[in-house]
């Protein structure tokens, strides 16, 4: 029998700040940044610092021609680590990241439909 790890406690700790950040996001780039920083924190805490990923290793993907939401890429610096592979296969880590990505993608789509908000931020 394999050991199952759960990181829902970490998810619950990160979720309020994440929701506040993406709710206050004024551009799609803000959403991508908040998503990446949150996932960096999640991975660091879940692996107890074994994974020292950088911002560029986490990408929220969004295809404007598709209604599909919640796609992301994790860089090789993350996915090649044995600690990550083990947790990915024996925990709820993937599902937690999926939920964060889905929320971020919904906000991304909302902001994408209202570019005037982003433009007003740039002009100020």
PDB file of N, CA and C in Angstrom:
ATOM      1  N   UNK A   1       0.844  -1.178   0.000  1.00  0.00           N
ATOM      2  CA  UNK A   1       0.000   0.000   0.000  1.00  0.00           C
ATOM      3  C   UNK A   1       0.893   1.247   0.000  1.00  0.00           C
ATOM      4  N   UNK A   2       0.560   2.200  -0.845  1.00  0.00           N
ATOM      5  CA  UNK A   2       1.352   3.422  -0.930  1.00  0.00           C
ATOM      6  C   UNK A   2       0.862   4.456   0.070  1.00  0.00           C
ATOM      7  N   UNK A   3       1.755   5.316   0.456  1.00  0.00           N
ATOM      8  CA  UNK A   3       1.428   6.397   1.379  1.00  0.00           C
ATOM      9  C   UNK A   3       0.857   7.557   0.570  1.00  0.00           C
ATOM     10  N   UNK A   4      -0.239   8.106   1.027  1.00  0.00           N
ATOM     11  CA  UNK A   4      -0.840   9.267   0.375  1.00  0.00           C
ATOM     12  C   UNK A   4      -0.571  10.500   1.237  1.00  0.00           C
ATOM     13  N   UNK A   5      -0.120  11.547   0.588  1.00  0.00           N
ATOM     14  CA  UNK A   5       0.135  12.810   1.272  1.00  0.00           C
ATOM     15  C   UNK A   5      -0.982  13.778   0.912  1.00  0.00           C
ATOM     16  N   UNK A   6      -1.319  14.635   1.848  1.00  0.00           N
ATOM     17  CA  UNK A   6      -2.325  15.651   1.566  1.00  0.00           C
ATOM     18  C   UNK A   6      -1.766  17.022   1.937  1.00  0.00           C
ATOM     19  N   UNK A   7      -1.972  17.954   1.020  1.00  0.00           N
ATOM     20  CA  UNK A   7      -1.499  19.313   1.238  1.00  0.00           C
ATOM     21  C   UNK A   7      -2.669  20.292   1.288  1.00  0.00           C
ATOM     22  N   UNK A   8      -3.841  19.790   1.631  1.00  0.00           N
ATOM     23  CA  UNK A   8      -5.013  20.660   1.685  1.00  0.00           C
ATOM     24  C   UNK A   8      -4.880  21.722   2.775  1.00  0.00           C
ATOM     25  N   UNK A   9      -4.135  21.432   3.824  1.00  0.00           N
ATOM     26  CA  UNK A   9      -3.911  22.432   4.874  1.00  0.00           C
ATOM     27  C   UNK A   9      -3.146  23.627   4.301  1.00  0.00           C
ATOM     28  N   UNK A  10      -2.116  23.349   3.502  1.00  0.00           N
ATOM     29  CA  UNK A  10      -1.351  24.424   2.871  1.00  0.00           C
ATOM     30  C   UNK A  10      -2.240  25.181   1.893  1.00  0.00           C
ATOM     31  N   UNK A  11      -3.046  24.453   1.139  1.00  0.00           N
ATOM     32  CA  UNK A  11      -3.973  25.091   0.194  1.00  0.00           C
ATOM     33  C   UNK A  11      -4.891  26.065   0.933  1.00  0.00           C
ATOM     34  N   UNK A  12      -5.448  25.632   2.043  1.00  0.00           N
ATOM     35  CA  UNK A  12      -6.367  26.482   2.808  1.00  0.00           C
ATOM     36  C   UNK A  12      -5.666  27.710   3.381  1.00  0.00           C
ATOM     37  N   UNK A  13      -4.392  27.582   3.687  1.00  0.00           N
ATOM     38  CA  UNK A  13      -3.628  28.725   4.192  1.00  0.00           C
ATOM     39  C   UNK A  13      -3.313  29.732   3.082  1.00  0.00           C
ATOM     40  N   UNK A  14      -3.054  29.234   1.871  1.00  0.00           N
ATOM     41  CA  UNK A  14      -2.693  30.107   0.754  1.00  0.00           C
ATOM     42  C   UNK A  14      -3.906  30.701   0.040  1.00  0.00           C
ATOM     43  N   UNK A  15      -5.035  30.024   0.120  1.00  0.00           N
ATOM     44  CA  UNK A  15      -6.206  30.407  -0.665  1.00  0.00           C
ATOM     45  C   UNK A  15      -6.741  31.813  -0.387  1.00  0.00           C
ATOM     46  N   UNK A  16      -6.895  32.256   0.861  1.00  0.00           N
ATOM     47  CA  UNK A  16      -7.438  33.610   1.066  1.00  0.00           C
ATOM     48  C   UNK A  16      -6.593  34.716   0.415  1.00  0.00           C
ATOM     49  N   UNK A  17      -5.285  34.653   0.570  1.00  0.00           N
ATOM     50  CA  UNK A  17      -4.416  35.671  -0.036  1.00  0.00           C
ATOM     51  C   UNK A  17      -4.468  35.576  -1.556  1.00  0.00           C
ATOM     52  N   UNK A  18      -4.502  34.357  -2.078  1.00  0.00           N
ATOM     53  CA  UNK A  18      -4.575  34.172  -3.529  1.00  0.00           C
ATOM     54  C   UNK A  18      -5.864  34.774  -4.077  1.00  0.00           C
ATOM     55  N   UNK A  19      -6.965  34.500  -3.430  1.00  0.00           N
ATOM     56  CA  UNK A  19      -8.250  35.055  -3.884  1.00  0.00           C
ATOM     57  C   UNK A  19      -8.238  36.576  -3.850  1.00  0.00           C
ATOM     58  N   UNK A  20      -7.673  37.126  -2.791  1.00  0.00           N
ATOM     59  CA  UNK A  20      -7.593  38.581  -2.684  1.00  0.00           C
ATOM     60  C   UNK A  20      -6.721  39.157  -3.794  1.00  0.00           C
ATOM     61  N   UNK A  21      -5.603  38.513  -4.068  1.00  0.00           N
ATOM     62  CA  UNK A  21      -4.691  39.003  -5.103  1.00  0.00           C
ATOM     63  C   UNK A  21      -5.322  38.950  -6.486  1.00  0.00           C
ATOM     64  N   UNK A  22      -5.903  37.813  -6.848  1.00  0.00           N
ATOM     65  CA  UNK A  22      -6.461  37.744  -8.203  1.00  0.00           C
ATOM     66  C   UNK A  22      -7.722  38.583  -8.317  1.00  0.00           C
ATOM     67  N   UNK A  23      -8.422  38.772  -7.208  1.00  0.00           N
ATOM     68  CA  UNK A  23      -9.585  39.656  -7.228  1.00  0.00           C
ATOM     69  C   UNK A  23      -9.187  41.105  -7.457  1.00  0.00           C
ATOM     70  N   UNK A  24      -8.013  41.474  -6.975  1.00  0.00           N
ATOM     71  CA  UNK A  24      -7.516  42.844  -7.131  1.00  0.00           C
ATOM     72  C   UNK A  24      -6.685  43.013  -8.403  1.00  0.00           C
ATOM     73  N   UNK A  25      -6.435  41.933  -9.107  1.00  0.00           N
ATOM     74  CA  UNK A  25      -5.612  41.994 -10.325  1.00  0.00           C
ATOM     75  C   UNK A  25      -6.238  42.947 -11.330  1.00  0.00           C
ATOM     76  N   UNK A  26      -5.396  43.771 -11.915  1.00  0.00           N
ATOM     77  CA  UNK A  26      -5.869  44.750 -12.893  1.00  0.00           C
ATOM     78  C   UNK A  26      -5.488  44.385 -14.309  1.00  0.00           C
ATOM     79  N   UNK A  27      -4.724  43.320 -14.468  1.00  0.00           N
ATOM     80  CA  UNK A  27      -4.341  42.893 -15.810  1.00  0.00           C
ATOM     81  C   UNK A  27      -4.164  41.384 -15.826  1.00  0.00           C
ATOM     82  N   UNK A  28      -4.157  40.840 -17.026  1.00  0.00           N
ATOM     83  CA  UNK A  28      -3.945  39.408 -17.165  1.00  0.00           C
ATOM     84  C   UNK A  28      -2.537  39.033 -16.698  1.00  0.00           C
ATOM     85  N   UNK A  29      -1.594  39.935 -16.873  1.00  0.00           N
ATOM     86  CA  UNK A  29      -0.225  39.678 -16.414  1.00  0.00           C
ATOM     87  C   UNK A  29      -0.171  39.591 -14.887  1.00  0.00           C
ATOM     88  N   UNK A  30      -0.964  40.421 -14.205  1.00  0.00           N
ATOM     89  CA  UNK A  30      -1.056  40.329 -12.746  1.00  0.00           C
ATOM     90  C   UNK A  30      -1.534  38.945 -12.329  1.00  0.00           C
ATOM     91  N   UNK A  31      -2.540  38.432 -13.015  1.00  0.00           N
ATOM     92  CA  UNK A  31      -3.091  37.110 -12.691  1.00  0.00           C
ATOM     93  C   UNK A  31      -2.014  36.042 -12.855  1.00  0.00           C
ATOM     94  N   UNK A  32      -1.287  36.100 -13.954  1.00  0.00           N
ATOM     95  CA  UNK A  32      -0.209  35.123 -14.182  1.00  0.00           C
ATOM     96  C   UNK A  32       0.845  35.203 -13.087  1.00  0.00           C
ATOM     97  N   UNK A  33       1.199  36.418 -12.698  1.00  0.00           N
ATOM     98  CA  UNK A  33       2.211  36.602 -11.648  1.00  0.00           C
ATOM     99  C   UNK A  33       1.739  36.058 -10.306  1.00  0.00           C
ATOM    100  N   UNK A  34       0.511  36.383  -9.919  1.00  0.00           N
ATOM    101  CA  UNK A  34      -0.019  35.911  -8.640  1.00  0.00           C
ATOM    102  C   UNK A  34      -0.122  34.387  -8.620  1.00  0.00           C
ATOM    103  N   UNK A  35      -0.521  33.806  -9.741  1.00  0.00           N
ATOM    104  CA  UNK A  35      -0.598  32.341  -9.834  1.00  0.00           C
ATOM    105  C   UNK A  35       0.790  31.724  -9.631  1.00  0.00           C
ATOM    106  N   UNK A  36       1.775  32.229 -10.348  1.00  0.00           N
ATOM    107  CA  UNK A  36       3.126  31.674 -10.258  1.00  0.00           C
ATOM    108  C   UNK A  36       3.689  31.800  -8.847  1.00  0.00           C
ATOM    109  N   UNK A  37       3.527  32.943  -8.231  1.00  0.00           N
ATOM    110  CA  UNK A  37       4.059  33.135  -6.873  1.00  0.00           C
ATOM    111  C   UNK A  37       3.365  32.221  -5.864  1.00  0.00           C
ATOM    112  N   UNK A  38       2.071  32.033  -6.024  1.00  0.00           N
ATOM    113  CA  UNK A  38       1.335  31.152  -5.112  1.00  0.00           C
ATOM    114  C   UNK A  38       1.792  29.705  -5.265  1.00  0.00           C
ATOM    115  N   UNK A  39       1.976  29.259  -6.503  1.00  0.00           N
ATOM    116  CA  UNK A  39       2.417  27.883  -6.732  1.00  0.00           C
ATOM    117  C   UNK A  39       3.852  27.687  -6.244  1.00  0.00           C
ATOM    118  N   UNK A  40       4.696  28.700  -6.397  1.00  0.00           N
ATOM    119  CA  UNK A  40       6.055  28.617  -5.838  1.00  0.00           C
ATOM    120  C   UNK A  40       6.004  28.395  -4.334  1.00  0.00           C
ATOM    121  N   UNK A  41       5.154  29.142  -3.673  1.00  0.00           N
ATOM    122  CA  UNK A  41       5.007  29.002  -2.222  1.00  0.00           C
ATOM    123  C   UNK A  41       4.466  27.619  -1.868  1.00  0.00           C
ATOM    124  N   UNK A  42       3.472  27.166  -2.597  1.00  0.00           N
ATOM    125  CA  UNK A  42       2.893  25.840  -2.360  1.00  0.00           C
ATOM    126  C   UNK A  42       3.956  24.749  -2.508  1.00  0.00           C
ATOM    127  N   UNK A  43       4.709  24.787  -3.582  1.00  0.00           N
ATOM    128  CA  UNK A  43       5.732  23.766  -3.822  1.00  0.00           C
ATOM    129  C   UNK A  43       6.834  23.812  -2.763  1.00  0.00           C
ATOM    130  N   UNK A  44       7.234  25.002  -2.390  1.00  0.00           N
ATOM    131  CA  UNK A  44       8.268  25.143  -1.374  1.00  0.00           C
ATOM    132  C   UNK A  44       7.811  24.537  -0.049  1.00  0.00           C
ATOM    133  N   UNK A  45       6.597  24.847   0.330  1.00  0.00           N
ATOM    134  CA  UNK A  45       6.080  24.330   1.601  1.00  0.00           C
ATOM    135  C   UNK A  45       5.782  22.836   1.534  1.00  0.00           C
ATOM    136  N   UNK A  46       5.265  22.367   0.409  1.00  0.00           N
ATOM    137  CA  UNK A  46       4.928  20.950   0.267  1.00  0.00           C
ATOM    138  C   UNK A  46       6.173  20.072   0.276  1.00  0.00           C
ATOM    139  N   UNK A  47       7.260  20.579  -0.268  1.00  0.00           N
ATOM    140  CA  UNK A  47       8.507  19.799  -0.326  1.00  0.00           C
ATOM    141  C   UNK A  47       9.482  20.190   0.775  1.00  0.00           C
ATOM    142  N   UNK A  48       9.025  21.022   1.685  1.00  0.00           N
ATOM    143  CA  UNK A  48       9.846  21.500   2.795  1.00  0.00           C
ATOM    144  C   UNK A  48      11.162  22.093   2.300  1.00  0.00           C
ATOM    145  N   UNK A  49      11.064  22.874   1.225  1.00  0.00           N
ATOM    146  CA  UNK A  49      12.209  23.594   0.695  1.00  0.00           C
ATOM    147  C   UNK A  49      13.096  22.808  -0.250  1.00  0.00           C
ATOM    148  N   UNK A  50      12.760  21.547  -0.540  1.00  0.00           N
ATOM    149  CA  UNK A  50      13.596  20.737  -1.439  1.00  0.00           C
ATOM    150  C   UNK A  50      13.541  21.247  -2.876  1.00  0.00           C
ATOM    151  N   UNK A  51      12.437  21.849  -3.254  1.00  0.00           N
ATOM    152  CA  UNK A  51      12.322  22.391  -4.605  1.00  0.00           C
ATOM    153  C   UNK A  51      12.468  23.901  -4.521  1.00  0.00           C
ATOM    154  N   UNK A  52      13.528  24.387  -5.115  1.00  0.00           N
ATOM    155  CA  UNK A  52      13.784  25.823  -5.158  1.00  0.00           C
ATOM    156  C   UNK A  52      13.535  26.311  -6.573  1.00  0.00           C
ATOM    157  N   UNK A  53      12.279  26.330  -6.954  1.00  0.00           N
ATOM    158  CA  UNK A  53      11.902  26.770  -8.295  1.00  0.00           C
ATOM    159  C   UNK A  53      11.953  28.292  -8.358  1.00  0.00           C
ATOM    160  N   UNK A  54      11.954  28.789  -9.575  1.00  0.00           N
ATOM    161  CA  UNK A  54      11.913  30.230  -9.799  1.00  0.00           C
ATOM    162  C   UNK A  54      10.641  30.573 -10.566  1.00  0.00           C
ATOM    163  N   UNK A  55      10.331  31.825 -10.573  1.00  0.00           N
ATOM    164  CA  UNK A  55       9.115  32.343 -11.187  1.00  0.00           C
ATOM    165  C   UNK A  55       8.899  31.826 -12.615  1.00  0.00           C
ATOM    166  N   UNK A  56       9.971  31.781 -13.392  1.00  0.00           N
ATOM    167  CA  UNK A  56       9.879  31.388 -14.799  1.00  0.00           C
ATOM    168  C   UNK A  56       9.532  29.920 -14.987  1.00  0.00           C
ATOM    169  N   UNK A  57       9.603  29.114 -13.931  1.00  0.00           N
ATOM    170  CA  UNK A  57       9.303  27.684 -14.019  1.00  0.00           C
ATOM    171  C   UNK A  57       7.804  27.389 -13.995  1.00  0.00           C
ATOM    172  N   UNK A  58       6.990  28.403 -13.750  1.00  0.00           N
ATOM    173  CA  UNK A  58       5.548  28.190 -13.629  1.00  0.00           C
ATOM    174  C   UNK A  58       4.825  29.137 -14.575  1.00  0.00           C
ATOM    175  N   UNK A  59       4.043  28.569 -15.452  1.00  0.00           N
ATOM    176  CA  UNK A  59       3.317  29.359 -16.459  1.00  0.00           C
ATOM    177  C   UNK A  59       1.842  28.983 -16.452  1.00  0.00           C
ATOM    178  N   UNK A  60       1.007  29.982 -16.327  1.00  0.00           N
ATOM    179  CA  UNK A  60      -0.431  29.792 -16.508  1.00  0.00           C
ATOM    180  C   UNK A  60      -0.701  29.941 -17.998  1.00  0.00           C
ATOM    181  N   UNK A  61      -1.320  28.938 -18.584  1.00  0.00           N
ATOM    182  CA  UNK A  61      -1.614  28.967 -20.014  1.00  0.00           C
ATOM    183  C   UNK A  61      -3.066  29.341 -20.220  1.00  0.00           C
ATOM    184  N   UNK A  62      -3.281  30.147 -21.222  1.00  0.00           N
ATOM    185  CA  UNK A  62      -4.655  30.477 -21.578  1.00  0.00           C
ATOM    186  C   UNK A  62      -4.748  30.623 -23.080  1.00  0.00           C
ATOM    187  N   UNK A  63      -5.660  29.903 -23.660  1.00  0.00           N
ATOM    188  CA  UNK A  63      -5.914  29.978 -25.090  1.00  0.00           C
ATOM    189  C   UNK A  63      -7.201  30.768 -25.288  1.00  0.00           C
ATOM    190  N   UNK A  64      -7.120  31.982 -25.840  1.00  0.00           N
ATOM    191  CA  UNK A  64      -8.313  32.811 -25.991  1.00  0.00           C
ATOM    192  C   UNK A  64      -9.364  32.204 -26.923  1.00  0.00           C
ATOM    193  N   UNK A  65      -8.966  31.251 -27.741  1.00  0.00           N
ATOM    194  CA  UNK A  65      -9.907  30.618 -28.660  1.00  0.00           C
ATOM    195  C   UNK A  65     -10.620  29.426 -28.044  1.00  0.00           C
ATOM    196  N   UNK A  66     -10.329  29.130 -26.792  1.00  0.00           N
ATOM    197  CA  UNK A  66     -10.910  27.970 -26.139  1.00  0.00           C
ATOM    198  C   UNK A  66     -11.563  28.371 -24.821  1.00  0.00           C
ATOM    199  N   UNK A  67     -12.636  27.695 -24.474  1.00  0.00           N
ATOM    200  CA  UNK A  67     -13.283  27.928 -23.185  1.00  0.00           C
ATOM    201  C   UNK A  67     -12.651  27.083 -22.079  1.00  0.00           C
ATOM    202  N   UNK A  68     -11.732  26.220 -22.470  1.00  0.00           N
ATOM    203  CA  UNK A  68     -11.069  25.357 -21.507  1.00  0.00           C
ATOM    204  C   UNK A  68     -10.236  26.212 -20.556  1.00  0.00           C
ATOM    205  N   UNK A  69     -10.315  25.880 -19.296  1.00  0.00           N
ATOM    206  CA  UNK A  69      -9.647  26.692 -18.291  1.00  0.00           C
ATOM    207  C   UNK A  69      -8.794  25.819 -17.376  1.00  0.00           C
ATOM    208  N   UNK A  70      -7.774  26.414 -16.816  1.00  0.00           N
ATOM    209  CA  UNK A  70      -6.996  25.735 -15.800  1.00  0.00           C
ATOM    210  C   UNK A  70      -5.759  25.015 -16.292  1.00  0.00           C
ATOM    211  N   UNK A  71      -5.221  25.408 -17.419  1.00  0.00           N
ATOM    212  CA  UNK A  71      -4.008  24.773 -17.941  1.00  0.00           C
ATOM    213  C   UNK A  71      -2.776  25.545 -17.474  1.00  0.00           C
ATOM    214  N   UNK A  72      -1.718  24.801 -17.197  1.00  0.00           N
ATOM    215  CA  UNK A  72      -0.472  25.414 -16.736  1.00  0.00           C
ATOM    216  C   UNK A  72       0.692  24.510 -17.121  1.00  0.00           C
ATOM    217  N   UNK A  73       1.883  25.057 -17.088  1.00  0.00           N
ATOM    218  CA  UNK A  73       3.111  24.294 -17.321  1.00  0.00           C
ATOM    219  C   UNK A  73       4.041  24.481 -16.135  1.00  0.00           C
ATOM    220  N   UNK A  74       4.642  23.392 -15.727  1.00  0.00           N
ATOM    221  CA  UNK A  74       5.677  23.430 -14.707  1.00  0.00           C
ATOM    222  C   UNK A  74       6.987  23.087 -15.400  1.00  0.00           C
ATOM    223  N   UNK A  75       7.991  23.898 -15.195  1.00  0.00           N
ATOM    224  CA  UNK A  75       9.270  23.723 -15.866  1.00  0.00           C
ATOM    225  C   UNK A  75      10.027  22.488 -15.427  1.00  0.00           C
ATOM    226  N   UNK A  76      11.005  22.136 -16.234  1.00  0.00           N
ATOM    227  CA  UNK A  76      11.813  20.946 -15.970  1.00  0.00           C
ATOM    228  C   UNK A  76      12.577  21.047 -14.656  1.00  0.00           C
ATOM    229  N   UNK A  77      12.894  22.267 -14.250  1.00  0.00           N
ATOM    230  CA  UNK A  77      13.581  22.454 -12.963  1.00  0.00           C
ATOM    231  C   UNK A  77      12.727  21.935 -11.809  1.00  0.00           C
ATOM    232  N   UNK A  78      11.426  21.886 -12.010  1.00  0.00           N
ATOM    233  CA  UNK A  78      10.509  21.355 -10.998  1.00  0.00           C
ATOM    234  C   UNK A  78      10.248  19.880 -11.265  1.00  0.00           C
ATOM    235  N   UNK A  79       9.806  19.574 -12.471  1.00  0.00           N
ATOM    236  CA  UNK A  79       9.329  18.220 -12.778  1.00  0.00           C
ATOM    237  C   UNK A  79      10.435  17.168 -12.802  1.00  0.00           C
ATOM    238  N   UNK A  80      11.683  17.568 -12.914  1.00  0.00           N
ATOM    239  CA  UNK A  80      12.780  16.595 -12.941  1.00  0.00           C
ATOM    240  C   UNK A  80      13.229  16.171 -11.539  1.00  0.00           C
ATOM    241  N   UNK A  81      12.780  16.871 -10.527  1.00  0.00           N
ATOM    242  CA  UNK A  81      13.181  16.560  -9.151  1.00  0.00           C
ATOM    243  C   UNK A  81      12.436  15.323  -8.641  1.00  0.00           C
ATOM    244  N   UNK A  82      13.165  14.420  -8.018  1.00  0.00           N
ATOM    245  CA  UNK A  82      12.563  13.203  -7.481  1.00  0.00           C
ATOM    246  C   UNK A  82      11.525  13.516  -6.406  1.00  0.00           C
ATOM    247  N   UNK A  83      11.808  14.512  -5.581  1.00  0.00           N
ATOM    248  CA  UNK A  83      10.851  14.888  -4.531  1.00  0.00           C
ATOM    249  C   UNK A  83       9.514  15.298  -5.135  1.00  0.00           C
ATOM    250  N   UNK A  84       9.573  16.029  -6.254  1.00  0.00           N
ATOM    251  CA  UNK A  84       8.348  16.454  -6.919  1.00  0.00           C
ATOM    252  C   UNK A  84       7.622  15.262  -7.524  1.00  0.00           C
ATOM    253  N   UNK A  85       8.341  14.416  -8.229  1.00  0.00           N
ATOM    254  CA  UNK A  85       7.721  13.260  -8.884  1.00  0.00           C
ATOM    255  C   UNK A  85       6.984  12.392  -7.877  1.00  0.00           C
ATOM    256  N   UNK A  86       7.617  12.154  -6.736  1.00  0.00           N
ATOM    257  CA  UNK A  86       6.988  11.326  -5.710  1.00  0.00           C
ATOM    258  C   UNK A  86       5.702  11.969  -5.198  1.00  0.00           C
ATOM    259  N   UNK A  87       5.766  13.259  -4.894  1.00  0.00           N
ATOM    260  CA  UNK A  87       4.577  13.941  -4.383  1.00  0.00           C
ATOM    261  C   UNK A  87       3.483  14.054  -5.441  1.00  0.00           C
ATOM    262  N   UNK A  88       3.874  14.245  -6.676  1.00  0.00           N
ATOM    263  CA  UNK A  88       2.902  14.372  -7.768  1.00  0.00           C
ATOM    264  C   UNK A  88       2.074  13.091  -7.884  1.00  0.00           C
ATOM    265  N   UNK A  89       2.720  11.949  -7.669  1.00  0.00           N
ATOM    266  CA  UNK A  89       2.055  10.662  -7.831  1.00  0.00           C
ATOM    267  C   UNK A  89       1.401  10.127  -6.566  1.00  0.00           C
ATOM    268  N   UNK A  90       1.739  10.691  -5.407  1.00  0.00           N
ATOM    269  CA  UNK A  90       1.216  10.131  -4.155  1.00  0.00           C
ATOM    270  C   UNK A  90       0.504  11.157  -3.286  1.00  0.00           C
ATOM    271  N   UNK A  91       0.059  12.249  -3.907  1.00  0.00           N
ATOM    272  CA  UNK A  91      -0.601  13.282  -3.100  1.00  0.00           C
ATOM    273  C   UNK A  91      -1.689  13.977  -3.899  1.00  0.00           C
ATOM    274  N   UNK A  92      -2.297  14.950  -3.256  1.00  0.00           N
ATOM    275  CA  UNK A  92      -3.331  15.761  -3.895  1.00  0.00           C
ATOM    276  C   UNK A  92      -2.743  17.035  -4.514  1.00  0.00           C
ATOM    277  N   UNK A  93      -1.428  17.086  -4.655  1.00  0.00           N
ATOM    278  CA  UNK A  93      -0.746  18.281  -5.158  1.00  0.00           C
ATOM    279  C   UNK A  93      -1.261  18.702  -6.534  1.00  0.00           C
ATOM    280  N   UNK A  94      -1.404  17.753  -7.437  1.00  0.00           N
ATOM    281  CA  UNK A  94      -1.890  18.071  -8.782  1.00  0.00           C
ATOM    282  C   UNK A  94      -3.284  18.677  -8.735  1.00  0.00           C
ATOM    283  N   UNK A  95      -4.146  18.127  -7.911  1.00  0.00           N
ATOM    284  CA  UNK A  95      -5.518  18.635  -7.814  1.00  0.00           C
ATOM    285  C   UNK A  95      -5.553  20.039  -7.218  1.00  0.00           C
ATOM    286  N   UNK A  96      -4.678  20.292  -6.271  1.00  0.00           N
ATOM    287  CA  UNK A  96      -4.610  21.621  -5.659  1.00  0.00           C
ATOM    288  C   UNK A  96      -4.138  22.650  -6.683  1.00  0.00           C
ATOM    289  N   UNK A  97      -3.085  22.325  -7.419  1.00  0.00           N
ATOM    290  CA  UNK A  97      -2.594  23.247  -8.446  1.00  0.00           C
ATOM    291  C   UNK A  97      -3.660  23.451  -9.517  1.00  0.00           C
ATOM    292  N   UNK A  98      -4.373  22.390  -9.866  1.00  0.00           N
ATOM    293  CA  UNK A  98      -5.473  22.505 -10.837  1.00  0.00           C
ATOM    294  C   UNK A  98      -6.522  23.511 -10.362  1.00  0.00           C
ATOM    295  N   UNK A  99      -6.865  23.461  -9.084  1.00  0.00           N
ATOM    296  CA  UNK A  99      -7.879  24.393  -8.555  1.00  0.00           C
ATOM    297  C   UNK A  99      -7.386  25.837  -8.587  1.00  0.00           C
ATOM    298  N   UNK A 100      -6.130  26.051  -8.212  1.00  0.00           N
ATOM    299  CA  UNK A 100      -5.573  27.403  -8.285  1.00  0.00           C
ATOM    300  C   UNK A 100      -5.562  27.888  -9.737  1.00  0.00           C
ATOM    301  N   UNK A 101      -5.160  27.018 -10.651  1.00  0.00           N
ATOM    302  CA  UNK A 101      -5.098  27.390 -12.072  1.00  0.00           C
ATOM    303  C   UNK A 101      -6.483  27.701 -12.620  1.00  0.00           C
ATOM    304  N   UNK A 102      -7.478  26.934 -12.223  1.00  0.00           N
ATOM    305  CA  UNK A 102      -8.842  27.166 -12.694  1.00  0.00           C
ATOM    306  C   UNK A 102      -9.349  28.537 -12.231  1.00  0.00           C
ATOM    307  N   UNK A 103      -9.109  28.866 -10.972  1.00  0.00           N
ATOM    308  CA  UNK A 103      -9.517  30.173 -10.443  1.00  0.00           C
ATOM    309  C   UNK A 103      -8.793  31.307 -11.162  1.00  0.00           C
ATOM    310  N   UNK A 104      -7.500  31.138 -11.342  1.00  0.00           N
ATOM    311  CA  UNK A 104      -6.714  32.168 -12.024  1.00  0.00           C
ATOM    312  C   UNK A 104      -7.181  32.336 -13.463  1.00  0.00           C
ATOM    313  N   UNK A 105      -7.477  31.242 -14.120  1.00  0.00           N
ATOM    314  CA  UNK A 105      -7.916  31.297 -15.512  1.00  0.00           C
ATOM    315  C   UNK A 105      -9.255  32.021 -15.641  1.00  0.00           C
ATOM    316  N   UNK A 106     -10.163  31.773 -14.707  1.00  0.00           N
ATOM    317  CA  UNK A 106     -11.453  32.470 -14.750  1.00  0.00           C
ATOM    318  C   UNK A 106     -11.267  33.971 -14.618  1.00  0.00           C
ATOM    319  N   UNK A 107     -10.394  34.395 -13.727  1.00  0.00           N
ATOM    320  CA  UNK A 107     -10.119  35.821 -13.568  1.00  0.00           C
ATOM    321  C   UNK A 107      -9.435  36.375 -14.812  1.00  0.00           C
ATOM    322  N   UNK A 108      -8.539  35.597 -15.371  1.00  0.00           N
ATOM    323  CA  UNK A 108      -7.840  35.972 -16.598  1.00  0.00           C
ATOM    324  C   UNK A 108      -8.854  36.238 -17.710  1.00  0.00           C
ATOM    325  N   UNK A 109      -9.788  35.313 -17.883  1.00  0.00           N
ATOM    326  CA  UNK A 109     -10.806  35.464 -18.933  1.00  0.00           C
ATOM    327  C   UNK A 109     -11.658  36.703 -18.691  1.00  0.00           C
ATOM    328  N   UNK A 110     -11.997  36.973 -17.442  1.00  0.00           N
ATOM    329  CA  UNK A 110     -12.789  38.157 -17.105  1.00  0.00           C
ATOM    330  C   UNK A 110     -12.038  39.433 -17.486  1.00  0.00           C
ATOM    331  N   UNK A 111     -10.775  39.507 -17.121  1.00  0.00           N
ATOM    332  CA  UNK A 111      -9.973  40.695 -17.437  1.00  0.00           C
ATOM    333  C   UNK A 111      -9.731  40.828 -18.928  1.00  0.00           C
ATOM    334  N   UNK A 112      -9.623  39.722 -19.613  1.00  0.00           N
ATOM    335  CA  UNK A 112      -9.405  39.736 -21.049  1.00  0.00           C
ATOM    336  C   UNK A 112     -10.599  40.343 -21.781  1.00  0.00           C
ATOM    337  N   UNK A 113     -11.780  40.166 -21.221  1.00  0.00           N
ATOM    338  CA  UNK A 113     -13.003  40.719 -21.824  1.00  0.00           C
ATOM    339  C   UNK A 113     -13.139  42.211 -21.554  1.00  0.00           C
ATOM    340  N   UNK A 114     -12.387  42.724 -20.588  1.00  0.00           N
ATOM    341  CA  UNK A 114     -12.464  44.138 -20.203  1.00  0.00           C
ATOM    342  C   UNK A 114     -11.093  44.783 -20.291  1.00  0.00           C
ATOM    343  N   UNK A 115     -10.559  44.927 -21.500  1.00  0.00           N
ATOM    344  CA  UNK A 115      -9.207  45.479 -21.630  1.00  0.00           C
ATOM    345  C   UNK A 115      -9.096  46.941 -21.212  1.00  0.00           C
ATOM    346  N   UNK A 116     -10.212  47.650 -21.143  1.00  0.00           N
ATOM    347  CA  UNK A 116     -10.151  49.054 -20.747  1.00  0.00           C
ATOM    348  C   UNK A 116      -9.616  49.213 -19.327  1.00  0.00           C
ATOM    349  N   UNK A 117      -9.827  48.217 -18.473  1.00  0.00           N
ATOM    350  CA  UNK A 117      -9.307  48.268 -17.114  1.00  0.00           C
ATOM    351  C   UNK A 117      -7.780  48.227 -17.132  1.00  0.00           C
ATOM    352  N   UNK A 118      -7.231  47.360 -17.955  1.00  0.00           N
ATOM    353  CA  UNK A 118      -5.780  47.266 -18.092  1.00  0.00           C
ATOM    354  C   UNK A 118      -5.219  48.532 -18.720  1.00  0.00           C
ATOM    355  N   UNK A 119      -5.878  49.037 -19.745  1.00  0.00           N
ATOM    356  CA  UNK A 119      -5.403  50.239 -20.427  1.00  0.00           C
ATOM    357  C   UNK A 119      -5.401  51.437 -19.490  1.00  0.00           C
ATOM    358  N   UNK A 120      -6.411  51.555 -18.628  1.00  0.00           N
ATOM    359  CA  UNK A 120      -6.447  52.680 -17.701  1.00  0.00           C
ATOM    360  C   UNK A 120      -5.305  52.595 -16.695  1.00  0.00           C
ATOM    361  N   UNK A 121      -4.908  51.395 -16.334  1.00  0.00           N
ATOM    362  CA  UNK A 121      -3.783  51.205 -15.415  1.00  0.00           C
ATOM    363  C   UNK A 121      -2.482  51.653 -16.074  1.00  0.00           C
ATOM    364  N   UNK A 122      -2.317  51.341 -17.351  1.00  0.00           N
ATOM    365  CA  UNK A 122      -1.098  51.690 -18.075  1.00  0.00           C
ATOM    366  C   UNK A 122      -0.982  53.207 -18.238  1.00  0.00           C
ATOM    367  N   UNK A 123      -2.074  53.875 -18.464  1.00  0.00           N
ATOM    368  CA  UNK A 123      -2.047  55.326 -18.717  1.00  0.00           C
ATOM    369  C   UNK A 123      -1.813  56.143 -17.462  1.00  0.00           C
ATOM    370  N   UNK A 124      -2.063  55.596 -16.309  1.00  0.00           N
ATOM    371  CA  UNK A 124      -1.934  56.377 -15.071  1.00  0.00           C
ATOM    372  C   UNK A 124      -0.520  56.580 -14.665  1.00  0.00           C
TER     373      UNK A 124
END
